[in-house]
Structure formats: structure tokens, C-alpha cells
């Protein structure tokens, strides 16, 4: 890896860290933690196996089970069975879980919109042009 690539990687890492912190602050005060929000977001398309969730979030299965237990106790997710294999347990959003997910998303979007409002039109255009490149990050492991 070249020095220029390493320097750029360091800059991207720093910027992404600041953006993650902005998103976490925007959800502060919500009854859903950032980690729980991430799990709820993973369930938005539909029911998922616990093993898939653990793998996606790069945690061990027992760690994901603890998160799911907390979300289930809060009424945000429900466990079910995989129609293809009744031995396999799945997890899905409840109506309340979907509402909380949308509330956190709205708060995050509002925080980002405030930041965007402080940029010039050219800066917003530059950011918009960079989004397709940023969207390529991490695609190999999805």
C-alpha cells in the first residue's frame, strides 16, 4: 500500500469517526442505543436469523442474543421460526420497533440537514458527488 493511500485512509477514518459521533449525538435521549438502532436497521427488510445478525454486526452469537433479549423486552422485536426450517429462530421488528427506528432515523437526518445547511452550495455538490464512492466501502463483505 502506498503512503498516499495510507494518508487518505487515515483522513477517511477520521472523518467517518466524526460523522459516527454526530449520528450518536443526534440519537441521544432516544430510548434506543446506537447499537440497538443498528440492529433494528438490520431487521427493517424482514426477519433475520440470529447468526446472520451476529455476523453482520461482527459480534459473537451470545452478544447478539443479549441485544435481542433487551430489544424483545422493550417490545421492539419478536422472535419467530424460519418457515424453511422450524428449528431455526428468527427475529423481526414489531410495529413499535419500526416506529422507534423511524424516530431515530428522523433525528439523524435532521442533524445531518443542520450540518448541510452550514455548507456552501459548492460544498454540498462536492459531498453529493462523493457519495457514490463512499457507498462502495465495505461492499465486499455484504
C-alpha atoms as a PDB file:
ATOM      1  CA  UNK A   1       0.000   0.000   0.000  1.00  0.00           C
ATOM      2  CA  UNK A   2       1.332   3.425  -0.913  1.00  0.00           C
ATOM      3  CA  UNK A   3       1.901   6.276   1.522  1.00  0.00           C
ATOM      4  CA  UNK A   4      -0.709   8.397  -0.274  1.00  0.00           C
ATOM      5  CA  UNK A   5      -3.322   5.634   0.129  1.00  0.00           C
ATOM      6  CA  UNK A   6      -2.493   5.267   3.816  1.00  0.00           C
ATOM      7  CA  UNK A   7      -2.748   9.028   4.350  1.00  0.00           C
ATOM      8  CA  UNK A   8      -6.109   9.119   2.573  1.00  0.00           C
ATOM      9  CA  UNK A   9      -7.306   6.110   4.592  1.00  0.00           C
ATOM     10  CA  UNK A  10      -6.372   7.952   7.791  1.00  0.00           C
ATOM     11  CA  UNK A  11      -8.304  11.046   6.691  1.00  0.00           C
ATOM     12  CA  UNK A  12     -11.368   8.984   5.750  1.00  0.00           C
ATOM     13  CA  UNK A  13     -11.207   7.175   9.092  1.00  0.00           C
ATOM     14  CA  UNK A  14     -11.068  10.458  10.995  1.00  0.00           C
ATOM     15  CA  UNK A  15     -13.972  11.985   9.059  1.00  0.00           C
ATOM     16  CA  UNK A  16     -16.097   8.855   9.454  1.00  0.00           C
ATOM     17  CA  UNK A  17     -15.410   8.816  13.199  1.00  0.00           C
ATOM     18  CA  UNK A  18     -16.678  12.393  13.476  1.00  0.00           C
ATOM     19  CA  UNK A  19     -19.774  11.527  11.438  1.00  0.00           C
ATOM     20  CA  UNK A  20     -20.495   8.483  13.624  1.00  0.00           C
ATOM     21  CA  UNK A  21     -20.242  10.673  16.719  1.00  0.00           C
ATOM     22  CA  UNK A  22     -22.610  13.215  15.141  1.00  0.00           C
ATOM     23  CA  UNK A  23     -25.126  10.447  14.465  1.00  0.00           C
ATOM     24  CA  UNK A  24     -24.803   9.101  18.002  1.00  0.00           C
ATOM     25  CA  UNK A  25     -25.331  12.563  19.497  1.00  0.00           C
ATOM     26  CA  UNK A  26     -28.408  13.075  17.321  1.00  0.00           C
ATOM     27  CA  UNK A  27     -29.972   9.946  18.806  1.00  0.00           C
ATOM     28  CA  UNK A  28     -29.039  10.832  22.381  1.00  0.00           C
ATOM     29  CA  UNK A  29     -32.096  10.872  24.594  1.00  0.00           C
ATOM     30  CA  UNK A  30     -33.851   8.293  22.440  1.00  0.00           C
ATOM     31  CA  UNK A  31     -34.815   5.111  24.267  1.00  0.00           C
ATOM     32  CA  UNK A  32     -32.793   3.139  21.684  1.00  0.00           C
ATOM     33  CA  UNK A  33     -28.979   2.960  21.866  1.00  0.00           C
ATOM     34  CA  UNK A  34     -26.840   3.317  18.752  1.00  0.00           C
ATOM     35  CA  UNK A  35     -26.091  -0.402  18.793  1.00  0.00           C
ATOM     36  CA  UNK A  36     -29.770  -1.260  19.166  1.00  0.00           C
ATOM     37  CA  UNK A  37     -30.630   1.152  16.366  1.00  0.00           C
ATOM     38  CA  UNK A  38     -28.123  -0.637  14.132  1.00  0.00           C
ATOM     39  CA  UNK A  39     -29.749  -3.998  14.906  1.00  0.00           C
ATOM     40  CA  UNK A  40     -33.230  -2.602  14.276  1.00  0.00           C
ATOM     41  CA  UNK A  41     -31.989  -1.237  10.942  1.00  0.00           C
ATOM     42  CA  UNK A  42     -30.720  -4.692  10.004  1.00  0.00           C
ATOM     43  CA  UNK A  43     -34.210  -6.062  10.637  1.00  0.00           C
ATOM     44  CA  UNK A  44     -36.021  -3.449   8.563  1.00  0.00           C
ATOM     45  CA  UNK A  45     -36.103  -5.535   5.346  1.00  0.00           C
ATOM     46  CA  UNK A  46     -37.594  -8.518   7.192  1.00  0.00           C
ATOM     47  CA  UNK A  47     -36.925 -11.358   9.634  1.00  0.00           C
ATOM     48  CA  UNK A  48     -33.308 -12.441  10.066  1.00  0.00           C
ATOM     49  CA  UNK A  49     -31.527 -15.356  11.678  1.00  0.00           C
ATOM     50  CA  UNK A  50     -29.595 -14.596  14.837  1.00  0.00           C
ATOM     51  CA  UNK A  51     -26.408 -15.958  13.299  1.00  0.00           C
ATOM     52  CA  UNK A  52     -26.754 -13.576  10.344  1.00  0.00           C
ATOM     53  CA  UNK A  53     -27.218 -10.615  12.674  1.00  0.00           C
ATOM     54  CA  UNK A  54     -24.196 -11.559  14.766  1.00  0.00           C
ATOM     55  CA  UNK A  55     -22.065 -11.921  11.657  1.00  0.00           C
ATOM     56  CA  UNK A  56     -23.263  -8.644  10.149  1.00  0.00           C
ATOM     57  CA  UNK A  57     -22.526  -6.738  13.367  1.00  0.00           C
ATOM     58  CA  UNK A  58     -19.205  -8.543  13.918  1.00  0.00           C
ATOM     59  CA  UNK A  59     -20.140  -9.887  17.358  1.00  0.00           C
ATOM     60  CA  UNK A  60     -20.392 -13.337  18.873  1.00  0.00           C
ATOM     61  CA  UNK A  61     -23.800 -15.010  18.935  1.00  0.00           C
ATOM     62  CA  UNK A  62     -24.148 -14.680  22.752  1.00  0.00           C
ATOM     63  CA  UNK A  63     -23.539 -10.921  22.474  1.00  0.00           C
ATOM     64  CA  UNK A  64     -26.232 -10.602  19.810  1.00  0.00           C
ATOM     65  CA  UNK A  65     -28.580 -12.720  21.941  1.00  0.00           C
ATOM     66  CA  UNK A  66     -28.193 -10.231  24.799  1.00  0.00           C
ATOM     67  CA  UNK A  67     -29.046  -7.335  22.457  1.00  0.00           C
ATOM     68  CA  UNK A  68     -32.046  -9.176  21.046  1.00  0.00           C
ATOM     69  CA  UNK A  69     -33.258 -10.050  24.554  1.00  0.00           C
ATOM     70  CA  UNK A  70     -33.159  -6.365  25.511  1.00  0.00           C
ATOM     71  CA  UNK A  71     -34.966  -5.332  22.344  1.00  0.00           C
ATOM     72  CA  UNK A  72     -37.556  -8.068  22.869  1.00  0.00           C
ATOM     73  CA  UNK A  73     -38.147  -6.969  26.478  1.00  0.00           C
ATOM     74  CA  UNK A  74     -38.700  -3.427  25.187  1.00  0.00           C
ATOM     75  CA  UNK A  75     -41.262  -4.744  22.689  1.00  0.00           C
ATOM     76  CA  UNK A  76     -39.178  -3.679  19.678  1.00  0.00           C
ATOM     77  CA  UNK A  77     -38.523  -7.125  18.189  1.00  0.00           C
ATOM     78  CA  UNK A  78     -40.218 -10.500  18.224  1.00  0.00           C
ATOM     79  CA  UNK A  79     -38.766 -13.947  17.758  1.00  0.00           C
ATOM     80  CA  UNK A  80     -40.178 -16.348  15.237  1.00  0.00           C
ATOM     81  CA  UNK A  81     -39.349 -19.526  13.366  1.00  0.00           C
ATOM     82  CA  UNK A  82     -37.844 -19.822   9.918  1.00  0.00           C
ATOM     83  CA  UNK A  83     -40.566 -21.143   7.576  1.00  0.00           C
ATOM     84  CA  UNK A  84     -37.946 -23.250   5.780  1.00  0.00           C
ATOM     85  CA  UNK A  85     -36.589 -24.794   8.998  1.00  0.00           C
ATOM     86  CA  UNK A  86     -38.675 -24.658  12.186  1.00  0.00           C
ATOM     87  CA  UNK A  87     -35.555 -25.368  14.284  1.00  0.00           C
ATOM     88  CA  UNK A  88     -34.083 -22.004  13.271  1.00  0.00           C
ATOM     89  CA  UNK A  89     -35.099 -18.941  15.284  1.00  0.00           C
ATOM     90  CA  UNK A  90     -35.528 -15.621  13.550  1.00  0.00           C
ATOM     91  CA  UNK A  91     -36.004 -12.083  14.789  1.00  0.00           C
ATOM     92  CA  UNK A  92     -38.205  -9.386  13.278  1.00  0.00           C
ATOM     93  CA  UNK A  93     -39.295  -5.841  14.007  1.00  0.00           C
ATOM     94  CA  UNK A  94     -42.538  -5.196  15.827  1.00  0.00           C
ATOM     95  CA  UNK A  95     -44.677  -2.185  14.979  1.00  0.00           C
ATOM     96  CA  UNK A  96     -43.172  -0.352  17.959  1.00  0.00           C
ATOM     97  CA  UNK A  97     -39.679  -1.311  16.785  1.00  0.00           C
ATOM     98  CA  UNK A  98     -40.371   0.101  13.334  1.00  0.00           C
ATOM     99  CA  UNK A  99     -41.690   3.342  14.886  1.00  0.00           C
ATOM    100  CA  UNK A 100     -38.581   3.722  17.087  1.00  0.00           C
ATOM    101  CA  UNK A 101     -36.351   3.021  14.107  1.00  0.00           C
ATOM    102  CA  UNK A 102     -38.079   5.759  12.116  1.00  0.00           C
ATOM    103  CA  UNK A 103     -37.887   8.203  15.050  1.00  0.00           C
ATOM    104  CA  UNK A 104     -34.136   7.732  15.372  1.00  0.00           C
ATOM    105  CA  UNK A 105     -33.711   7.978  11.613  1.00  0.00           C
ATOM    106  CA  UNK A 106     -35.660  11.263  11.555  1.00  0.00           C
ATOM    107  CA  UNK A 107     -33.455  12.649  14.353  1.00  0.00           C
ATOM    108  CA  UNK A 108     -30.307  11.645  12.499  1.00  0.00           C
ATOM    109  CA  UNK A 109     -31.493  13.099   9.212  1.00  0.00           C
ATOM    110  CA  UNK A 110     -32.406  16.363  10.947  1.00  0.00           C
ATOM    111  CA  UNK A 111     -28.924  16.573  12.498  1.00  0.00           C
ATOM    112  CA  UNK A 112     -27.278  15.961   9.142  1.00  0.00           C
ATOM    113  CA  UNK A 113     -29.560  18.513   7.457  1.00  0.00           C
ATOM    114  CA  UNK A 114     -28.478  21.134  10.023  1.00  0.00           C
ATOM    115  CA  UNK A 115     -24.839  20.420   9.219  1.00  0.00           C
ATOM    116  CA  UNK A 116     -25.528  20.548   5.473  1.00  0.00           C
ATOM    117  CA  UNK A 117     -27.257  23.908   5.833  1.00  0.00           C
ATOM    118  CA  UNK A 118     -23.951  25.374   7.038  1.00  0.00           C
ATOM    119  CA  UNK A 119     -22.131  24.306   3.872  1.00  0.00           C
ATOM    120  CA  UNK A 120     -21.924  26.301   0.680  1.00  0.00           C
ATOM    121  CA  UNK A 121     -23.738  25.070  -2.401  1.00  0.00           C
ATOM    122  CA  UNK A 122     -20.409  24.007  -3.930  1.00  0.00           C
ATOM    123  CA  UNK A 123     -19.525  22.047  -0.777  1.00  0.00           C
ATOM    124  CA  UNK A 124     -22.893  20.276  -0.849  1.00  0.00           C
ATOM    125  CA  UNK A 125     -22.362  19.448  -4.538  1.00  0.00           C
ATOM    126  CA  UNK A 126     -18.894  18.048  -3.765  1.00  0.00           C
ATOM    127  CA  UNK A 127     -20.325  15.929  -0.967  1.00  0.00           C
ATOM    128  CA  UNK A 128     -23.123  14.657  -3.208  1.00  0.00           C
ATOM    129  CA  UNK A 129     -20.559  13.728  -5.874  1.00  0.00           C
ATOM    130  CA  UNK A 130     -18.511  11.774  -3.289  1.00  0.00           C
ATOM    131  CA  UNK A 131     -21.440   9.692  -2.015  1.00  0.00           C
ATOM    132  CA  UNK A 132     -21.321   7.023  -4.766  1.00  0.00           C
ATOM    133  CA  UNK A 133     -17.638   6.448  -3.964  1.00  0.00           C
ATOM    134  CA  UNK A 134     -18.306   6.211  -0.227  1.00  0.00           C
ATOM    135  CA  UNK A 135     -21.176   3.813  -0.905  1.00  0.00           C
ATOM    136  CA  UNK A 136     -18.638   1.338  -2.322  1.00  0.00           C
ATOM    137  CA  UNK A 137     -16.925   0.987   1.080  1.00  0.00           C
ATOM    138  CA  UNK A 138     -17.463  -2.375   2.738  1.00  0.00           C
ATOM    139  CA  UNK A 139     -19.387  -3.880  -0.178  1.00  0.00           C
ATOM    140  CA  UNK A 140     -17.060  -6.887  -0.393  1.00  0.00           C
ATOM    141  CA  UNK A 141     -18.285  -8.207   2.947  1.00  0.00           C
ATOM    142  CA  UNK A 142     -22.003  -7.701   2.437  1.00  0.00           C
END
